[in-house]
Each structure stands twice: as structure tokens, then as C-alpha cells.
Protein backbone atom coordinates (compact mmCIF):
# COMPACT_ATOMS: atom_id res chain seq x y z
CA MET A 1 83.09 86.43 112.28
CA ALA A 2 81.95 88.51 115.22
CA LYS A 3 79.61 91.39 114.44
CA GLN A 4 82.00 93.94 115.94
CA LEU A 5 84.32 93.39 112.95
CA LEU A 6 81.71 94.87 110.60
CA SER A 7 83.00 98.41 110.98
CA LEU A 8 86.51 97.30 110.05
CA ILE A 9 85.52 95.34 106.95
CA SER A 10 83.22 98.12 105.73
CA GLY A 11 86.24 100.35 105.18
CA LEU A 12 88.10 98.02 102.82
CA LEU A 13 89.17 99.22 99.38
CA ILE A 14 87.20 102.42 99.14
CA LEU A 15 88.81 104.97 96.87
CA LEU A 16 88.73 108.43 98.38
CA THR A 17 87.56 111.42 96.35
CA GLY A 18 88.34 114.24 98.76
CA CYS A 19 86.71 116.57 101.19
CA ALA A 20 83.23 117.96 100.55
CA GLN A 21 83.35 120.79 103.04
CA THR A 22 82.70 124.36 101.98
CA GLU A 23 85.81 126.51 101.82
CA GLN A 24 86.22 129.76 103.71
CA SER A 25 87.26 132.82 101.72
CA SER A 26 88.23 136.36 102.57
CA TYR A 27 85.10 137.85 101.03
CA GLN A 28 82.73 135.96 103.34
CA SER A 29 80.86 137.85 106.02
CA ILE A 30 81.35 136.97 109.68
CA ASN A 31 77.87 135.42 109.77
CA GLU A 32 78.64 133.34 106.68
CA ARG A 33 81.93 132.14 108.15
CA VAL A 34 80.10 130.98 111.27
CA LEU A 35 77.63 129.03 109.12
CA VAL A 36 80.46 127.48 107.10
CA ALA A 37 82.32 126.51 110.26
CA SER A 38 79.17 124.88 111.65
CA GLN A 39 79.00 122.65 108.54
CA ASN A 40 75.25 123.21 108.35
CA PRO A 41 74.33 123.08 104.64
CA ASP A 42 70.64 123.76 105.26
CA ALA A 43 71.43 127.04 107.01
CA LEU A 44 73.88 127.97 104.25
CA ILE A 45 71.28 127.24 101.57
CA VAL A 46 68.83 129.61 103.28
CA HIS A 47 71.59 132.22 103.61
CA TYR A 48 72.69 132.05 99.97
CA LYS A 49 69.10 132.11 98.68
CA LYS A 50 68.54 135.33 100.61
CA GLN A 51 71.74 136.73 99.14
CA LEU A 52 70.65 135.76 95.61
CA ASN A 53 67.36 137.57 96.09
CA LEU A 54 69.40 140.70 96.78
CA HIS A 55 72.21 140.15 94.26
CA GLN A 56 71.96 137.70 91.34
CA THR A 57 75.65 136.91 90.97
CA PRO A 58 77.46 133.78 89.67
CA CYS A 59 79.61 133.68 92.79
CA ILE A 60 76.69 133.46 95.22
CA ARG A 61 74.94 130.89 93.03
CA PHE A 62 78.13 128.82 92.99
CA LEU A 63 78.25 128.92 96.78
CA LEU A 64 74.61 127.83 96.83
CA ALA A 65 75.51 124.91 94.55
CA GLN A 66 78.36 124.03 96.89
CA ALA A 67 75.98 123.99 99.85
CA TYR A 68 73.62 121.66 97.98
CA PHE A 69 76.57 119.40 97.20
CA ASN A 70 77.48 119.24 100.88
CA LYS A 71 73.86 118.31 101.57
CA ALA A 72 74.23 115.44 99.06
CA ASP A 73 71.60 117.01 96.77
CA PHE A 74 73.76 116.58 93.70
CA GLU A 75 71.03 117.13 91.11
CA THR A 76 70.11 120.54 92.53
CA SER A 77 73.78 121.46 92.81
CA LEU A 78 74.24 120.69 89.10
CA PHE A 79 71.14 122.72 88.26
CA HIS A 80 72.64 125.86 89.77
CA LEU A 81 76.08 125.21 88.29
CA ASN A 82 74.55 124.99 84.83
CA ILE A 83 73.05 128.43 85.39
CA VAL A 84 76.48 129.73 86.42
CA ASN A 85 77.98 128.30 83.22
CA LYS A 86 75.31 129.96 81.10
CA ILE A 87 76.08 133.32 82.72
CA ASN A 88 79.81 132.82 82.20
CA ALA A 89 79.30 131.83 78.55
CA ALA A 90 77.30 135.01 77.94
CA GLN A 91 80.09 137.22 79.27
CA THR A 92 82.20 138.84 76.57
CA ILE A 93 84.38 140.86 78.93
CA GLU A 94 86.84 140.05 81.67
CA PRO A 95 85.35 138.39 84.79
CA SER A 96 83.72 140.86 87.15
CA LEU A 97 85.41 141.99 90.36
CA GLU A 98 82.83 139.99 92.31
CA GLN A 99 83.68 136.89 90.31
CA GLN A 100 87.39 137.43 90.81
CA THR A 101 86.90 137.58 94.58
CA CYS A 102 85.08 134.22 94.46
CA THR A 103 88.43 132.52 93.94
CA ASP A 104 91.61 131.77 95.81
CA LYS A 105 95.29 131.66 94.91
CA GLN A 106 95.07 128.03 93.82
CA GLN A 107 91.94 127.98 91.64
CA SER A 108 90.09 130.37 89.36
CA PHE A 109 86.32 130.71 89.51
CA GLY A 110 85.86 128.68 86.32
CA THR A 111 88.08 125.91 87.70
CA LYS A 112 86.04 125.73 90.90
CA VAL A 113 82.81 125.48 88.90
CA ALA A 114 84.17 122.73 86.64
CA LEU A 115 85.54 120.70 89.55
CA LEU A 116 82.27 120.87 91.49
CA MET A 117 80.36 119.83 88.36
CA ALA A 118 82.62 116.81 87.94
CA LYS A 119 82.17 115.85 91.59
CA ASN A 120 78.38 116.07 91.24
CA HIS A 121 78.38 113.89 88.14
CA TYR A 122 80.56 111.33 89.93
CA GLN A 123 78.19 111.21 92.89
CA LEU A 124 75.30 110.67 90.46
CA ASN A 125 77.19 107.75 88.84
CA GLN A 126 77.58 109.79 85.66
CA ASN A 127 81.23 108.92 85.28
CA LYS A 128 81.54 109.68 81.57
CA GLN A 129 80.36 113.25 82.11
CA ALA A 130 82.67 113.67 85.10
CA LEU A 131 85.68 112.36 83.19
CA ALA A 132 84.93 114.59 80.19
CA ILE A 133 84.85 117.68 82.41
CA ILE A 134 88.20 116.81 83.97
CA LYS A 135 89.78 116.15 80.57
CA ASN A 136 88.65 119.61 79.45
CA MET A 137 90.48 121.04 82.46
CA TYR A 138 93.81 119.93 81.00
CA GLY A 139 93.90 123.19 79.05
CA LEU A 140 94.46 125.01 82.35
CA LYS A 141 97.91 126.08 83.45
CA ALA A 142 97.65 123.84 86.51
CA ILE A 143 94.86 121.30 86.95
CA PRO A 144 93.92 121.02 90.66
CA GLY A 145 95.16 118.02 92.59
CA GLU A 146 91.62 117.20 93.66
CA ALA A 147 90.55 116.96 90.02
CA LEU A 148 93.49 114.67 89.23
CA ASN A 149 92.62 112.47 92.18
CA LEU A 150 89.01 112.26 91.03
CA GLN A 151 90.22 111.38 87.54
CA GLY A 152 92.18 108.52 89.09
CA VAL A 153 89.08 107.25 90.86
CA LEU A 154 87.05 107.44 87.64
CA LEU A 155 89.72 105.60 85.63
CA SER A 156 89.92 102.95 88.36
CA ASP A 157 86.19 102.38 88.00
CA LYS A 158 86.81 101.74 84.28
CA GLY A 159 89.56 99.26 85.05
CA ASP A 160 92.23 101.57 83.62
CA TYR A 161 94.65 101.10 86.50
CA ARG A 162 97.67 102.44 84.62
CA GLY A 163 95.84 105.66 83.81
CA ALA A 164 94.52 105.84 87.36
CA ARG A 165 97.99 105.45 88.84
CA ASP A 166 99.32 108.19 86.57
CA ALA A 167 96.49 110.52 87.64
CA PHE A 168 97.05 109.77 91.34
CA ASN A 169 100.77 110.41 90.98
CA GLN A 170 100.05 113.72 89.23
CA ALA A 171 97.79 114.65 92.15
CA ARG A 172 100.61 113.66 94.49
CA ALA A 173 103.00 115.89 92.55
CA GLN A 174 100.50 118.73 92.97
CA LEU A 175 100.86 118.21 96.75
CA TYR A 176 97.28 117.03 97.13
CA ASN A 177 96.22 115.41 100.44
CA ASP A 178 98.70 112.63 101.25
CA THR A 179 96.17 110.49 103.09
CA ILE A 180 93.77 110.48 100.17
CA VAL A 181 96.28 110.02 97.34
CA ASN A 182 98.51 107.45 99.03
CA ASN A 183 95.49 105.46 100.18
CA ASN A 184 94.24 105.37 96.60
CA LEU A 185 97.66 104.36 95.24
CA ALA A 186 97.83 101.64 97.88
CA ILE A 187 94.44 100.32 96.77
CA LEU A 188 95.77 100.03 93.23
CA ASP A 189 98.74 98.13 94.63
CA ILE A 190 96.36 95.73 96.40
CA VAL A 191 94.22 95.24 93.30
CA GLU A 192 97.39 94.49 91.31
CA GLU A 193 98.63 92.17 94.10
CA ARG A 194 101.59 94.36 95.02
CA TYR A 195 100.88 94.03 98.69
CA GLN A 196 104.27 95.04 100.07
CA GLN A 197 104.16 98.30 98.11
CA ALA A 198 100.70 98.94 99.53
CA ILE A 199 101.95 98.36 103.07
CA ALA A 200 104.86 100.75 102.47
CA LYS A 201 102.36 103.49 101.52
CA LEU A 202 99.76 102.76 104.20
CA LEU A 203 101.96 102.21 107.25
CA PRO A 204 103.21 105.85 107.47
CA LEU A 205 99.62 107.05 107.03
CA PHE A 206 98.43 104.76 109.81
CA ASN A 207 101.24 105.83 112.14
CA SER A 208 100.29 109.49 111.69
CA ARG A 209 96.51 108.88 111.65
CA PRO A 210 95.85 105.72 113.72
CA LYS A 211 92.14 106.53 114.06
CA ASP A 212 91.53 106.62 110.28
CA LYS A 213 89.44 103.47 109.81
CA ARG A 214 89.82 103.42 106.02
CA VAL A 215 93.61 103.47 106.13
CA LYS A 216 93.64 100.85 108.87
CA ALA A 217 91.24 98.58 107.01
CA ASN A 218 93.29 98.69 103.82
CA LEU A 219 96.52 98.13 105.76
CA VAL A 220 94.98 95.10 107.47
CA LEU A 221 93.93 93.67 104.11
CA ALA A 222 97.38 94.19 102.57
CA MET A 223 99.06 92.51 105.54
CA ALA A 224 96.72 89.53 105.31
CA LYS A 225 97.43 89.16 101.61
CA GLU A 226 101.17 89.40 102.26
CA GLN A 227 100.73 86.77 104.99
CA GLN A 228 102.16 89.04 107.69
CA PHE A 229 100.18 87.65 110.61
CA GLN A 230 102.19 89.12 113.47
CA PRO A 231 101.88 92.80 112.42
CA PHE A 232 98.27 92.04 111.38
CA LYS A 233 97.57 90.78 114.90
CA ALA A 234 99.37 93.72 116.49
CA LEU A 235 97.04 96.18 114.74
CA LEU A 236 93.91 94.48 116.08
CA ILE A 237 94.82 92.85 119.38
CA ASN A 238 93.57 95.74 121.52
CA GLU A 239 90.13 95.65 119.90
CA TYR A 240 89.34 92.02 119.10
CA SER A 241 89.88 88.57 120.54
CA TYR A 242 92.60 86.30 119.21
CA GLU A 243 89.96 84.01 117.67
CA GLU A 244 88.31 86.93 115.86
CA ILE A 245 91.65 88.12 114.54
CA VAL A 246 92.51 84.66 113.21
CA ASP A 247 89.09 84.35 111.56
CA LEU A 248 89.49 87.71 109.82
CA TYR A 249 93.07 86.97 108.78
CA LEU A 250 92.18 83.62 107.21
CA TYR A 251 89.18 85.08 105.44
CA LEU A 252 91.07 88.03 103.94
CA LYS A 253 94.10 85.95 103.03
CA SER A 254 92.05 83.39 101.12
CA ASN A 255 89.52 85.67 99.46
CA HIS A 256 89.61 84.42 95.86
CA ALA A 257 88.94 87.75 94.20
CA GLY A 258 91.99 89.23 95.86
CA VAL A 259 89.87 92.14 97.04
CA ILE A 260 86.55 92.65 98.75
CA GLU A 261 84.21 94.25 96.26
CA THR A 262 83.06 97.68 97.38
CA SER A 263 79.62 96.92 95.97
CA MET A 264 79.10 94.13 98.50
CA SER A 265 77.08 94.87 101.61
CA ILE A 266 78.57 94.02 104.97
CA ASP A 267 75.92 91.34 105.50
CA GLU A 268 77.03 89.72 102.24
CA VAL A 269 80.65 89.75 103.36
CA ILE A 270 79.72 88.04 106.62
CA ALA A 271 77.45 85.56 104.85
CA ASN A 272 80.22 84.66 102.42
CA GLU A 273 82.61 84.00 105.26
CA ASP A 274 80.14 81.92 107.24
């Protein structure tokens, strides 16, 4: 297969866990909002450390942990979240005004902390810890859609596809991001060889977001498995030669595992085909 197909194959069957960007809130200063908008975690880390030196508050430390998460420093993010939990556990009164402002209409401060902890554990391959945190969130009035989606990803990793599908559908009912949830449900359909159902979920996503490589890659795989060569070709004809399209179609259609393992490197995928 031609090397230019690598970027397409690399997107196959990757479950999506959600956005890692820092949220903007009404209590943020103008300077802080500019830093958040710039998506510069290093600058935010410096900013929140300065703020902590002035005011040791759980809210600012949570925002620092969030910045470390966005920097992919998951261990340090967990370190600061554990400190936040210790402070919260020591409180015997209602949450402070500052802590109440570190929320939004959808999630309480404690919910935000728990969700970020679960996301850190997942990124560190500590799936048991992540799943335990999410299960503890079921005592809340409304568990966030992002947490339900992450639960679905974690259950999928365990091979519990029924539980994963239920979690994804709960996230869908909570109006969580359609692209993320429907992509994940479609991946379950592909794993369970329900290719037409996967196409039905992915095609509307692709039509509304044609530049999303992950959606396109999964749609291409489902079409190959369903032996729909003409629509398969139509998706790729403007980017690849006819010979390349046929090579990819035959490879995906005949892949014995039914899926391309996400643990495989792209070089391994190419080597297997050759």
C-alpha cells in the first residue's frame, strides 16, 4: 500500500474520550481567559502557580491540575487533585464561595475533580482506578456525559461491549458530543460485525464533518467490511489512485481479526499487508 495511506489507517477504531481543553468560566480574569484561549498549558501553569502563592485555594489548584492534564503531565495533575481532595475531605461546612464559583451549571466542583482524576488515571493506563471513580459518581443527581463516555471506553477495553454500549447510550441521552459518542457506538458495531449499523451512525457525522479523519477512517473500514466498494471508492477517489483504493479495500475487507488493533503501529499494518 502506498505510504500516503498511512494517515488514513492510523485513525481506524480509536475510541474517543473527549476534549482536553481548559474550560472558560465567568470568574476568570481577562488575562487568564487569553491564556486559556491560546491553549498554552505552560503559560497557564506559571499563572496558576503565581495565583496559588497568593491564595491557597482548592479552585486554583484544580485549575493548575487541569493545565498539567492538558500538558499531558498526568502524574503531576493527579498529585494536585489529591491535595484538592484532602482539603475537601477536611471541610466540615458548606463549600466556600470561591469553591462554588469554580463550577458551572452542569457540574459541581467535586464532580469536576472526580472526572479529571478519572481521565488522568485512564491516560496512565490505570483503568481500574478510573472505572472505580466513575462508579462512585453514580450517587450524583446527574453523572456528566463525558464521564459516561469514558466509562464506555473503559468497559470496551475490558471486553464488556454490552456495558460499554449502555454507557455510551447514557452519554448520548445526556446530550454529550454527538461526534464522540456516535463514533464510539459505531466502533462497537464494527467490533460486533454490525457494519451497516456502524455506517448509519458514521455517515451523518462524516457529512457534517468531512475533515474528521477518525470518522472517515472508521466509515471506510465499515464500508469495506460491508463490501460496499462504490461508496468506499467515492470517499477516497479525490485523494488516492484507483489502485491504492483497491489495495486498501481488499486489505480491510479480508482482515481476519475483523478490526485493526489499535495497539499495532502503522509500520506493522503496512508490513502485514505486504
